C-alpha atoms as a PDB file:
ATOM      1  CA  MET A   1       0.084  -0.119  -0.127  1.00  0.00           C
ATOM      2  CA  THR A   2       1.380   3.653  -0.690  1.00  0.00           C
ATOM      3  CA  GLY A   3       1.972   5.524   2.180  1.00  0.00           C
ATOM      4  CA  PHE A   4       1.471   9.208   2.895  1.00  0.00           C
ATOM      5  CA  ASP A   5       2.597  12.040   4.921  1.00  0.00           C
ATOM      6  CA  ILE A   6       0.448  14.960   6.319  1.00  0.00           C
ATOM      7  CA  THR A   7       1.780  18.056   4.996  1.00  0.00           C
ATOM      8  CA  GLY A   8      -0.428  21.011   5.950  1.00  0.00           C
ATOM      9  CA  TRP A   9      -3.277  21.461   8.396  1.00  0.00           C
ATOM     10  CA  GLY A  10      -4.972  24.294   9.123  1.00  0.00           C
ATOM     11  CA  MET A  11      -8.693  25.251  11.060  1.00  0.00           C
ATOM     12  CA  SER A  12     -11.052  28.017  11.172  1.00  0.00           C
ATOM     13  CA  VAL A  13     -13.565  29.014  13.834  1.00  0.00           C
ATOM     14  CA  PRO A  14     -15.896  31.983  14.044  1.00  0.00           C
ATOM     15  CA  GLU A  15     -15.288  35.175  16.102  1.00  0.00           C
ATOM     16  CA  ARG A  16     -18.175  34.824  18.245  1.00  0.00           C
ATOM     17  CA  ILE A  17     -17.759  33.328  21.824  1.00  0.00           C
ATOM     18  CA  VAL A  18     -20.393  31.849  23.609  1.00  0.00           C
ATOM     19  CA  THR A  19     -19.476  31.933  27.054  1.00  0.00           C
ATOM     20  CA  SER A  20     -20.550  29.284  29.902  1.00  0.00           C
ATOM     21  CA  ALA A  21     -21.643  31.753  32.160  1.00  0.00           C
ATOM     22  CA  GLU A  22     -24.033  33.252  29.500  1.00  0.00           C
ATOM     23  CA  LEU A  23     -25.868  29.641  28.544  1.00  0.00           C
ATOM     24  CA  ALA A  24     -26.239  29.456  31.926  1.00  0.00           C
ATOM     25  CA  GLU A  25     -28.015  32.743  32.504  1.00  0.00           C
ATOM     26  CA  ARG A  26     -30.415  31.756  29.716  1.00  0.00           C
ATOM     27  CA  PHE A  27     -31.196  28.246  31.241  1.00  0.00           C
ATOM     28  CA  GLY A  28     -31.217  29.365  35.036  1.00  0.00           C
ATOM     29  CA  VAL A  29     -28.512  26.872  36.215  1.00  0.00           C
ATOM     30  CA  ASP A  30     -25.133  27.951  37.412  1.00  0.00           C
ATOM     31  CA  GLU A  31     -21.873  28.348  35.655  1.00  0.00           C
ATOM     32  CA  HIS A  32     -19.902  25.700  37.526  1.00  0.00           C
ATOM     33  CA  TRP A  33     -22.869  23.109  36.834  1.00  0.00           C
ATOM     34  CA  VAL A  34     -22.333  23.682  33.173  1.00  0.00           C
ATOM     35  CA  VAL A  35     -18.813  23.183  33.282  1.00  0.00           C
ATOM     36  CA  SER A  36     -18.556  20.176  35.721  1.00  0.00           C
ATOM     37  CA  ARG A  37     -20.804  18.754  32.996  1.00  0.00           C
ATOM     38  CA  CYS A  38     -19.216  18.874  29.869  1.00  0.00           C
ATOM     39  CA  GLY A  39     -15.851  20.727  30.463  1.00  0.00           C
ATOM     40  CA  ILE A  40     -16.583  23.730  28.124  1.00  0.00           C
ATOM     41  CA  ARG A  41     -16.031  27.071  29.287  1.00  0.00           C
ATOM     42  CA  GLU A  42     -16.879  28.851  26.057  1.00  0.00           C
ATOM     43  CA  ARG A  43     -17.737  27.556  22.201  1.00  0.00           C
ATOM     44  CA  ARG A  44     -17.656  29.548  19.053  1.00  0.00           C
ATOM     45  CA  ALA A  45     -20.961  30.195  17.143  1.00  0.00           C
ATOM     46  CA  VAL A  46     -21.604  31.113  13.351  1.00  0.00           C
ATOM     47  CA  ASN A  47     -22.514  34.735  12.795  1.00  0.00           C
ATOM     48  CA  PRO A  48     -24.734  35.665   9.810  1.00  0.00           C
ATOM     49  CA  GLY A  49     -23.299  34.767   6.196  1.00  0.00           C
ATOM     50  CA  GLN A  50     -21.004  32.428   7.941  1.00  0.00           C
ATOM     51  CA  THR A  51     -21.709  28.727   7.112  1.00  0.00           C
ATOM     52  CA  THR A  52     -20.480  24.939   7.374  1.00  0.00           C
ATOM     53  CA  ALA A  53     -18.775  25.755   3.649  1.00  0.00           C
ATOM     54  CA  SER A  54     -17.114  28.729   4.488  1.00  0.00           C
ATOM     55  CA  LEU A  55     -15.437  27.412   7.810  1.00  0.00           C
ATOM     56  CA  ALA A  56     -14.190  24.572   5.150  1.00  0.00           C
ATOM     57  CA  VAL A  57     -13.037  26.829   2.926  1.00  0.00           C
ATOM     58  CA  GLU A  58     -10.909  29.271   5.329  1.00  0.00           C
ATOM     59  CA  ALA A  59      -9.589  25.661   6.838  1.00  0.00           C
ATOM     60  CA  GLY A  60      -8.666  24.157   3.650  1.00  0.00           C
ATOM     61  CA  ARG A  61      -7.165  26.927   2.348  1.00  0.00           C
ATOM     62  CA  ARG A  62      -4.639  27.107   5.497  1.00  0.00           C
ATOM     63  CA  ALA A  63      -3.712  23.786   5.104  1.00  0.00           C
ATOM     64  CA  LEU A  64      -3.054  24.142   1.704  1.00  0.00           C
ATOM     65  CA  ASP A  65      -0.779  26.930   2.256  1.00  0.00           C
ATOM     66  CA  LYS A  66       1.028  25.103   4.999  1.00  0.00           C
ATOM     67  CA  ALA A  67       1.298  22.384   2.645  1.00  0.00           C
ATOM     68  CA  GLY A  68       2.658  24.479  -0.298  1.00  0.00           C
ATOM     69  CA  LEU A  69       0.068  23.748  -2.624  1.00  0.00           C
ATOM     70  CA  THR A  70      -2.594  25.174  -4.319  1.00  0.00           C
ATOM     71  CA  GLY A  71      -6.573  23.925  -5.199  1.00  0.00           C
ATOM     72  CA  ALA A  72      -5.165  22.901  -8.254  1.00  0.00           C
ATOM     73  CA  ASP A  73      -3.004  20.326  -7.135  1.00  0.00           C
ATOM     74  CA  ILE A  74      -5.346  18.193  -5.229  1.00  0.00           C
ATOM     75  CA  ALA A  75      -6.598  15.334  -6.770  1.00  0.00           C
ATOM     76  CA  HIS A  76      -9.420  14.640  -4.272  1.00  0.00           C
ATOM     77  CA  LEU A  77     -11.296  16.777  -2.049  1.00  0.00           C
ATOM     78  CA  ILE A  78     -12.975  14.976   1.082  1.00  0.00           C
ATOM     79  CA  VAL A  79     -15.523  16.955   3.140  1.00  0.00           C
ATOM     80  CA  ALA A  80     -16.752  15.356   6.464  1.00  0.00           C
ATOM     81  CA  THR A  81     -20.172  17.166   7.617  1.00  0.00           C
ATOM     82  CA  ALA A  82     -23.552  16.455   9.260  1.00  0.00           C
ATOM     83  CA  THR A  83     -24.628  19.841   8.666  1.00  0.00           C
ATOM     84  CA  PRO A  84     -24.276  20.456   4.950  1.00  0.00           C
ATOM     85  CA  GLU A  85     -24.623  23.398   3.241  1.00  0.00           C
ATOM     86  CA  GLN A  86     -27.912  22.024   1.666  1.00  0.00           C
ATOM     87  CA  PRO A  87     -29.895  19.331   1.318  1.00  0.00           C
ATOM     88  CA  SER A  88     -28.429  19.344  -2.811  1.00  0.00           C
ATOM     89  CA  PRO A  89     -25.524  19.789  -3.849  1.00  0.00           C
ATOM     90  CA  ALA A  90     -23.151  18.498  -1.532  1.00  0.00           C
ATOM     91  CA  THR A  91     -21.119  20.838   0.368  1.00  0.00           C
ATOM     92  CA  SER A  92     -17.519  19.629  -1.085  1.00  0.00           C
ATOM     93  CA  ALA A  93     -18.976  21.548  -4.342  1.00  0.00           C
ATOM     94  CA  PHE A  94     -19.209  25.194  -2.450  1.00  0.00           C
ATOM     95  CA  VAL A  95     -15.851  24.244  -0.981  1.00  0.00           C
ATOM     96  CA  HIS A  96     -14.404  22.598  -4.787  1.00  0.00           C
ATOM     97  CA  HIS A  97     -15.613  25.968  -6.164  1.00  0.00           C
ATOM     98  CA  GLU A  98     -13.838  28.310  -3.842  1.00  0.00           C
ATOM     99  CA  LEU A  99     -10.543  26.569  -3.707  1.00  0.00           C
ATOM    100  CA  GLY A 100     -10.105  25.862  -7.317  1.00  0.00           C
ATOM    101  CA  ILE A 101     -10.012  21.946  -7.146  1.00  0.00           C
ATOM    102  CA  SER A 102      -8.580  20.512  -9.863  1.00  0.00           C
ATOM    103  CA  GLY A 103     -10.053  16.984  -9.053  1.00  0.00           C
ATOM    104  CA  SER A 104     -12.921  14.943  -7.659  1.00  0.00           C
ATOM    105  CA  ALA A 105     -15.221  15.948  -4.513  1.00  0.00           C
ATOM    106  CA  HIS A 106     -17.388  14.405  -1.880  1.00  0.00           C
ATOM    107  CA  ASP A 107     -18.805  14.123   1.017  1.00  0.00           C
ATOM    108  CA  VAL A 108     -18.723  11.969   4.542  1.00  0.00           C
ATOM    109  CA  ASN A 109     -21.796  12.006   6.671  1.00  0.00           C
ATOM    110  CA  SER A 110     -21.004   9.470   9.605  1.00  0.00           C
ATOM    111  CA  GLU A 111     -21.617  12.695  12.436  1.00  0.00           C
ATOM    112  CA  CYS A 112     -18.577  13.235  14.752  1.00  0.00           C
ATOM    113  CA  ALA A 113     -17.240  10.233  13.488  1.00  0.00           C
ATOM    114  CA  GLY A 114     -16.938  11.587   9.960  1.00  0.00           C
ATOM    115  CA  PHE A 115     -12.998  13.051   9.987  1.00  0.00           C
ATOM    116  CA  VAL A 116     -11.561   9.621  11.190  1.00  0.00           C
ATOM    117  CA  TYR A 117     -14.279   8.097   8.354  1.00  0.00           C
ATOM    118  CA  GLY A 118     -12.792  10.189   5.912  1.00  0.00           C
ATOM    119  CA  LEU A 119      -8.893   9.799   6.567  1.00  0.00           C
ATOM    120  CA  VAL A 120      -9.381   6.109   6.335  1.00  0.00           C
ATOM    121  CA  SER A 121     -11.172   6.506   3.012  1.00  0.00           C
ATOM    122  CA  ALA A 122      -8.156   9.207   2.097  1.00  0.00           C
ATOM    123  CA  MET A 123      -5.591   6.130   3.172  1.00  0.00           C
ATOM    124  CA  ALA A 124      -7.316   3.977   0.936  1.00  0.00           C
ATOM    125  CA  LEU A 125      -7.896   6.417  -2.277  1.00  0.00           C
ATOM    126  CA  ILE A 126      -4.248   7.864  -1.897  1.00  0.00           C
ATOM    127  CA  ALA A 127      -2.993   4.063  -2.156  1.00  0.00           C
ATOM    128  CA  ILE A 128      -4.821   3.666  -5.791  1.00  0.00           C
ATOM    129  CA  ASP A 129      -4.218   6.923  -6.814  1.00  0.00           C
ATOM    130  CA  PRO A 130      -1.374   8.548  -5.277  1.00  0.00           C
ATOM    131  CA  ARG A 131      -2.317  12.338  -5.548  1.00  0.00           C
ATOM    132  CA  PRO A 132      -2.506  14.907  -3.165  1.00  0.00           C
ATOM    133  CA  ILE A 133      -5.753  14.736  -1.082  1.00  0.00           C
ATOM    134  CA  LEU A 134      -7.358  17.560   0.864  1.00  0.00           C
ATOM    135  CA  LEU A 135      -9.986  16.316   3.808  1.00  0.00           C
ATOM    136  CA  ILE A 136     -11.882  18.567   5.909  1.00  0.00           C
ATOM    137  CA  GLY A 137     -14.139  18.075   8.627  1.00  0.00           C
ATOM    138  CA  SER A 138     -16.611  20.770   9.179  1.00  0.00           C
ATOM    139  CA  ASP A 139     -19.459  21.509  11.050  1.00  0.00           C
ATOM    140  CA  THR A 140     -22.271  24.059  12.815  1.00  0.00           C
ATOM    141  CA  HIS A 141     -24.251  22.714  15.151  1.00  0.00           C
ATOM    142  CA  THR A 142     -25.267  25.442  16.520  1.00  0.00           C
ATOM    143  CA  LEU A 143     -27.956  25.901  14.011  1.00  0.00           C
ATOM    144  CA  THR A 144     -29.072  22.555  14.289  1.00  0.00           C
ATOM    145  CA  ALA A 145     -29.676  22.686  18.413  1.00  0.00           C
ATOM    146  CA  ASN A 146     -33.070  24.074  19.954  1.00  0.00           C
ATOM    147  CA  PRO A 147     -32.204  27.309  21.411  1.00  0.00           C
ATOM    148  CA  ALA A 148     -34.415  25.814  24.364  1.00  0.00           C
ATOM    149  CA  ASP A 149     -32.766  22.607  24.596  1.00  0.00           C
ATOM    150  CA  ARG A 150     -30.471  23.283  27.617  1.00  0.00           C
ATOM    151  CA  ASP A 151     -28.751  19.757  27.042  1.00  0.00           C
ATOM    152  CA  LEU A 152     -27.245  20.332  23.508  1.00  0.00           C
ATOM    153  CA  SER A 153     -26.876  24.133  23.279  1.00  0.00           C
ATOM    154  CA  ILE A 154     -24.130  24.196  26.344  1.00  0.00           C
ATOM    155  CA  LEU A 155     -22.337  21.020  24.319  1.00  0.00           C
ATOM    156  CA  VAL A 156     -22.335  22.293  20.455  1.00  0.00           C
ATOM    157  CA  GLY A 157     -19.804  24.734  18.835  1.00  0.00           C
ATOM    158  CA  ASP A 158     -19.129  25.510  15.137  1.00  0.00           C
ATOM    159  CA  GLY A 159     -15.546  25.325  13.502  1.00  0.00           C
ATOM    160  CA  ALA A 160     -13.722  23.816  10.662  1.00  0.00           C
ATOM    161  CA  GLY A 161     -10.461  21.831  10.338  1.00  0.00           C
ATOM    162  CA  ALA A 162      -8.261  20.358   7.668  1.00  0.00           C
ATOM    163  CA  VAL A 163      -5.151  18.417   6.412  1.00  0.00           C
ATOM    164  CA  VAL A 164      -3.753  17.798   3.450  1.00  0.00           C
ATOM    165  CA  LEU A 165      -2.291  14.361   2.197  1.00  0.00           C
ATOM    166  CA  GLN A 166       0.560  13.748  -0.090  1.00  0.00           C
ATOM    167  CA  PRO A 167       2.072  10.798  -0.965  1.00  0.00           C
ATOM    168  CA  GLY A 168       4.718   9.155   0.837  1.00  0.00           C
ATOM    169  CA  ALA A 169       7.030   5.831   0.809  1.00  0.00           C
ATOM    170  CA  GLU A 170       6.114   4.786   4.337  1.00  0.00           C
ATOM    171  CA  ASN A 171       2.852   3.353   5.108  1.00  0.00           C
ATOM    172  CA  ARG A 172       2.609   5.735   8.343  1.00  0.00           C
ATOM    173  CA  VAL A 173      -1.082   3.981   9.357  1.00  0.00           C
ATOM    174  CA  LYS A 174      -0.233   1.116  12.011  1.00  0.00           C
ATOM    175  CA  ALA A 175      -3.751   0.060  12.225  1.00  0.00           C
ATOM    176  CA  TRP A 176      -7.388   1.327  12.178  1.00  0.00           C
ATOM    177  CA  ASN A 177     -11.093  -0.122  13.017  1.00  0.00           C
ATOM    178  CA  LEU A 178     -14.079   1.562  11.513  1.00  0.00           C
ATOM    179  CA  GLY A 179     -17.540   0.415  13.013  1.00  0.00           C
ATOM    180  CA  ALA A 180     -21.426   1.494  13.371  1.00  0.00           C
ATOM    181  CA  ASP A 181     -24.876   0.132  15.022  1.00  0.00           C
ATOM    182  CA  GLY A 182     -27.797   1.164  12.944  1.00  0.00           C
ATOM    183  CA  ALA A 183     -29.982   0.418  16.181  1.00  0.00           C
ATOM    184  CA  CYS A 184     -28.739   3.267  17.825  1.00  0.00           C
ATOM    185  CA  THR A 185     -30.532   6.105  15.288  1.00  0.00           C
ATOM    186  CA  GLY A 186     -32.677   7.344  17.991  1.00  0.00           C
ATOM    187  CA  SER A 187     -30.198   8.551  20.626  1.00  0.00           C
ATOM    188  CA  LEU A 188     -29.078  11.792  18.619  1.00  0.00           C
ATOM    189  CA  LYS A 189     -31.457  12.525  15.502  1.00  0.00           C
ATOM    190  CA  VAL A 190     -32.800  15.095  13.471  1.00  0.00           C
ATOM    191  CA  LEU A 191     -36.560  14.370  12.395  1.00  0.00           C
ATOM    192  CA  ALA A 192     -37.652  16.288   9.717  1.00  0.00           C
ATOM    193  CA  GLY A 193     -35.902  17.512   6.556  1.00  0.00           C
ATOM    194  CA  GLY A 194     -35.403  14.266   4.712  1.00  0.00           C
ATOM    195  CA  SER A 195     -37.574  12.171   2.633  1.00  0.00           C
ATOM    196  CA  ARG A 196     -38.590  10.173   5.646  1.00  0.00           C
ATOM    197  CA  MET A 197     -40.290  13.374   6.768  1.00  0.00           C
ATOM    198  CA  PRO A 198     -40.199  15.891   4.432  1.00  0.00           C
ATOM    199  CA  THR A 199     -39.922  19.369   6.082  1.00  0.00           C
ATOM    200  CA  THR A 200     -43.768  20.938   6.160  1.00  0.00           C
ATOM    201  CA  GLN A 201     -45.225  23.658   8.293  1.00  0.00           C
ATOM    202  CA  GLU A 202     -46.241  21.438  10.896  1.00  0.00           C
ATOM    203  CA  THR A 203     -42.809  19.886  11.306  1.00  0.00           C
ATOM    204  CA  LEU A 204     -41.137  23.542  11.702  1.00  0.00           C
ATOM    205  CA  ASP A 205     -43.893  24.635  14.136  1.00  0.00           C
ATOM    206  CA  ALA A 206     -43.248  21.104  16.154  1.00  0.00           C
ATOM    207  CA  GLY A 207     -39.209  21.881  15.847  1.00  0.00           C
ATOM    208  CA  LEU A 208     -38.778  19.065  13.846  1.00  0.00           C
ATOM    209  CA  HIS A 209     -35.637  19.984  12.369  1.00  0.00           C
ATOM    210  CA  TYR A 210     -33.644  20.810  15.372  1.00  0.00           C
ATOM    211  CA  ALA A 211     -31.569  17.656  16.936  1.00  0.00           C
ATOM    212  CA  GLN A 212     -32.990  15.789  19.577  1.00  0.00           C
ATOM    213  CA  ILE A 213     -30.585  13.901  21.749  1.00  0.00           C
ATOM    214  CA  ASN A 214     -30.989  10.988  24.713  1.00  0.00           C
ATOM    215  CA  GLY A 215     -28.094  12.024  27.000  1.00  0.00           C
ATOM    216  CA  ASN A 216     -27.312   8.849  28.962  1.00  0.00           C
ATOM    217  CA  GLU A 217     -27.771   6.895  25.595  1.00  0.00           C
ATOM    218  CA  ILE A 218     -25.022   8.676  23.551  1.00  0.00           C
ATOM    219  CA  TYR A 219     -22.889   8.598  26.929  1.00  0.00           C
ATOM    220  CA  LEU A 220     -22.998   4.782  27.224  1.00  0.00           C
ATOM    221  CA  ASN A 221     -22.675   4.072  23.774  1.00  0.00           C
ATOM    222  CA  ALA A 222     -19.968   6.636  23.485  1.00  0.00           C
ATOM    223  CA  VAL A 223     -17.788   5.345  25.836  1.00  0.00           C
ATOM    224  CA  ARG A 224     -18.561   1.603  24.955  1.00  0.00           C
ATOM    225  CA  TYR A 225     -18.165   1.685  21.319  1.00  0.00           C
ATOM    226  CA  THR A 226     -15.033   3.643  21.444  1.00  0.00           C
ATOM    227  CA  VAL A 227     -13.461   1.812  24.408  1.00  0.00           C
ATOM    228  CA  ARG A 228     -13.694  -0.969  21.685  1.00  0.00           C
ATOM    229  CA  THR A 229     -12.806   1.134  18.657  1.00  0.00           C
ATOM    230  CA  VAL A 230      -9.527   1.749  20.178  1.00  0.00           C
ATOM    231  CA  ARG A 231      -8.970  -1.735  21.827  1.00  0.00           C
ATOM    232  CA  GLU A 232      -9.090  -3.292  18.633  1.00  0.00           C
ATOM    233  CA  THR A 233      -6.870  -0.873  16.970  1.00  0.00           C
ATOM    234  CA  LEU A 234      -4.318  -1.311  19.384  1.00  0.00           C
ATOM    235  CA  GLU A 235      -4.530  -4.857  19.210  1.00  0.00           C
ATOM    236  CA  SER A 236      -4.161  -4.858  15.873  1.00  0.00           C
ATOM    237  CA  ALA A 237      -1.297  -2.503  15.593  1.00  0.00           C
ATOM    238  CA  LYS A 238       0.743  -4.881  18.624  1.00  0.00           C
ATOM    239  CA  VAL A 239       0.718  -1.591  20.820  1.00  0.00           C
ATOM    240  CA  ASP A 240       0.383  -1.101  23.878  1.00  0.00           C
ATOM    241  CA  ALA A 241      -1.743   1.637  25.300  1.00  0.00           C
ATOM    242  CA  ALA A 242       0.798   3.246  27.733  1.00  0.00           C
ATOM    243  CA  ASP A 243       2.904   3.171  24.522  1.00  0.00           C
ATOM    244  CA  ILE A 244       0.528   6.067  23.180  1.00  0.00           C
ATOM    245  CA  ASP A 245       2.141   9.385  22.712  1.00  0.00           C
ATOM    246  CA  HIS A 246      -0.834  11.763  21.707  1.00  0.00           C
ATOM    247  CA  VAL A 247      -4.216  10.447  21.769  1.00  0.00           C
ATOM    248  CA  VAL A 248      -6.958  13.213  19.923  1.00  0.00           C
ATOM    249  CA  PRO A 249     -10.433  12.036  20.616  1.00  0.00           C
ATOM    250  CA  HIS A 250     -13.721  13.560  19.404  1.00  0.00           C
ATOM    251  CA  GLN A 251     -14.034  16.767  21.845  1.00  0.00           C
ATOM    252  CA  ALA A 252     -17.428  15.936  23.254  1.00  0.00           C
ATOM    253  CA  ASN A 253     -17.487  15.985  26.592  1.00  0.00           C
ATOM    254  CA  ILE A 254     -14.637  15.503  29.114  1.00  0.00           C
ATOM    255  CA  ARG A 255     -16.809  12.966  31.146  1.00  0.00           C
ATOM    256  CA  ILE A 256     -16.765  10.381  28.282  1.00  0.00           C
ATOM    257  CA  ILE A 257     -13.096  11.715  27.311  1.00  0.00           C
ATOM    258  CA  ASN A 258     -12.199  10.760  31.008  1.00  0.00           C
ATOM    259  CA  SER A 259     -13.962   7.661  30.903  1.00  0.00           C
ATOM    260  CA  ILE A 260     -12.273   6.219  27.727  1.00  0.00           C
ATOM    261  CA  LEU A 261      -9.018   7.009  29.129  1.00  0.00           C
ATOM    262  CA  SER A 262      -9.811   5.182  32.275  1.00  0.00           C
ATOM    263  CA  HIS A 263     -11.305   2.152  30.357  1.00  0.00           C
ATOM    264  CA  THR A 264      -8.484   1.598  27.525  1.00  0.00           C
ATOM    265  CA  GLY A 265      -5.393   2.410  29.907  1.00  0.00           C
ATOM    266  CA  LEU A 266      -4.235   5.388  27.661  1.00  0.00           C
ATOM    267  CA  ARG A 267      -2.342   7.586  29.840  1.00  0.00           C
ATOM    268  CA  PRO A 268      -3.907  10.842  30.865  1.00  0.00           C
ATOM    269  CA  GLU A 269      -0.846  12.827  30.183  1.00  0.00           C
ATOM    270  CA  ALA A 270      -1.016  12.007  26.620  1.00  0.00           C
ATOM    271  CA  LEU A 271      -4.682  13.403  25.986  1.00  0.00           C
ATOM    272  CA  ILE A 272      -4.809  16.289  23.426  1.00  0.00           C
ATOM    273  CA  THR A 273      -7.784  18.740  23.928  1.00  0.00           C
ATOM    274  CA  ASN A 274      -9.017  22.164  23.393  1.00  0.00           C
ATOM    275  CA  LEU A 275     -12.802  21.171  24.443  1.00  0.00           C
ATOM    276  CA  GLN A 276     -12.917  23.879  27.606  1.00  0.00           C
ATOM    277  CA  LYS A 277     -12.413  26.542  24.430  1.00  0.00           C
ATOM    278  CA  TYR A 278     -14.542  25.424  21.662  1.00  0.00           C
ATOM    279  CA  GLY A 279     -17.021  22.685  22.682  1.00  0.00           C
ATOM    280  CA  ASN A 280     -17.904  19.621  20.947  1.00  0.00           C
ATOM    281  CA  THR A 281     -17.242  20.799  17.029  1.00  0.00           C
ATOM    282  CA  ALA A 282     -18.285  17.575  15.582  1.00  0.00           C
ATOM    283  CA  SER A 283     -16.601  16.486  12.396  1.00  0.00           C
ATOM    284  CA  ALA A 284     -14.381  19.618  12.748  1.00  0.00           C
ATOM    285  CA  SER A 285     -13.173  18.555  16.312  1.00  0.00           C
ATOM    286  CA  ILE A 286     -10.369  15.863  15.948  1.00  0.00           C
ATOM    287  CA  PRO A 287      -8.965  18.253  12.979  1.00  0.00           C
ATOM    288  CA  ILE A 288      -9.181  21.276  15.226  1.00  0.00           C
ATOM    289  CA  ALA A 289      -7.088  19.762  18.223  1.00  0.00           C
ATOM    290  CA  LEU A 290      -4.668  18.294  15.661  1.00  0.00           C
ATOM    291  CA  THR A 291      -4.193  21.559  14.352  1.00  0.00           C
ATOM    292  CA  GLU A 292      -3.670  23.229  17.430  1.00  0.00           C
ATOM    293  CA  ALA A 293      -0.989  20.302  19.288  1.00  0.00           C
ATOM    294  CA  LEU A 294       0.980  20.552  15.776  1.00  0.00           C
ATOM    295  CA  GLU A 295       1.091  24.149  15.369  1.00  0.00           C
ATOM    296  CA  GLU A 296       2.258  23.735  19.424  1.00  0.00           C
ATOM    297  CA  GLY A 297       4.915  21.439  18.336  1.00  0.00           C
ATOM    298  CA  ARG A 298       3.558  19.173  20.826  1.00  0.00           C
ATOM    299  CA  ILE A 299       3.689  16.276  18.164  1.00  0.00           C
ATOM    300  CA  LYS A 300       7.040  15.056  16.801  1.00  0.00           C
ATOM    301  CA  ALA A 301       8.725  12.507  14.280  1.00  0.00           C
ATOM    302  CA  GLY A 302       7.879   9.118  14.760  1.00  0.00           C
ATOM    303  CA  ASP A 303       5.644  10.014  17.497  1.00  0.00           C
ATOM    304  CA  LYS A 304       2.815   7.211  17.589  1.00  0.00           C
ATOM    305  CA  VAL A 305      -0.697   9.620  17.433  1.00  0.00           C
ATOM    306  CA  LEU A 306      -4.155   7.830  17.998  1.00  0.00           C
ATOM    307  CA  LEU A 307      -7.079  10.023  16.750  1.00  0.00           C
ATOM    308  CA  ALA A 308     -10.674   7.946  18.078  1.00  0.00           C
ATOM    309  CA  GLY A 309     -14.046   9.561  17.140  1.00  0.00           C
ATOM    310  CA  PHE A 310     -17.795   8.349  17.817  1.00  0.00           C
ATOM    311  CA  GLY A 311     -20.843   9.672  16.592  1.00  0.00           C
ATOM    312  CA  ALA A 312     -24.590   9.790  16.280  1.00  0.00           C
ATOM    313  CA  GLY A 313     -26.034   6.415  14.371  1.00  0.00           C
ATOM    314  CA  MET A 314     -23.833   4.963  16.155  1.00  0.00           C
ATOM    315  CA  THR A 315     -20.753   5.528  13.800  1.00  0.00           C
ATOM    316  CA  TRP A 316     -17.013   5.270  15.600  1.00  0.00           C
ATOM    317  CA  GLY A 317     -13.569   4.619  14.528  1.00  0.00           C
ATOM    318  CA  SER A 318     -10.012   4.688  14.968  1.00  0.00           C
ATOM    319  CA  ILE A 319      -6.658   5.114  13.477  1.00  0.00           C
ATOM    320  CA  LEU A 320      -2.994   4.933  14.946  1.00  0.00           C
ATOM    321  CA  MET A 321      -0.502   6.482  13.036  1.00  0.00           C
ATOM    322  CA  GLU A 322       3.535   7.315  13.324  1.00  0.00           C
ATOM    323  CA  TRP A 323       3.788  10.597  12.785  1.00  0.00           C
ATOM    324  CA  GLY A 324       6.179  11.157   9.449  1.00  0.00           C
ATOM    325  CA  GLY A 325       8.230  13.745  10.460  1.00  0.00           C
ATOM    326  CA  VAL A 326       6.475  17.205   8.978  1.00  0.00           C
ATOM    327  CA  ALA A 327       6.481  19.531  11.765  1.00  0.00           C
ATOM    328  CA  ALA A 328       4.928  23.182  12.266  1.00  0.00           C
END
């Protein structure tokens, strides 16, 4: 299999900050209660005119600049999102146009596991077509959260993160694992707006275009399935959890993250998290955290880097890489 190196990375978050103090006042609770439940002190929210695609374009452009490439050099664009620009065409089409991509474009919707799914897809694609790939995770879940829904509103934030993959001589991926359980579709859902329940005035009046969450189910399944995928990836790679240098999980909720670390034996000091600043940015959370870690110089050549995500559906995935020497 053709290897690859990640040669560029970038991120984009809106300027507007929504603090936990603001949300605590809105919902009539204490700020400490919000922070203790999710570990989030502030999150970013789009302003009018900002969209999933506009954030993706900015993050993608920064990743291209870092890699020293332009859109004309990209053979394939993959955009992971669960909050598309519109039902049709794909969000990647809008990004493709703005960045001047020369090659193909498609979306991946595996909810918050989307970036890991996209990375595994990119890995397979570059093996059969060894040319540069731009992978972007972008979501605007503040637009899908009912303003009256406390449980979701304290979690979600908006943002985008991107990486550029270029063919390399070595296979940096030591192991990967993807999975899904379609019996769990009810734990986090947006009921209206698709073919099963087209949008009508009645669905709008009932608020069925907003996301609905069963927090207890999400928590239990997120821990269960992320622990499973991490264990299976480490077992396939024949690597002990204690030997992982950096773990970049989906930035969903600090209690979920800590539980995953506890059940897998991953070292707390290996954790890369920025949850407290950005909240749950869904498909964007892993590439945003990865970008910041790279810019801070935390990840060095030869480091073992584990990415692990989970999302509605349920979906989950993990990938273990040995960093290829491209540094900030």
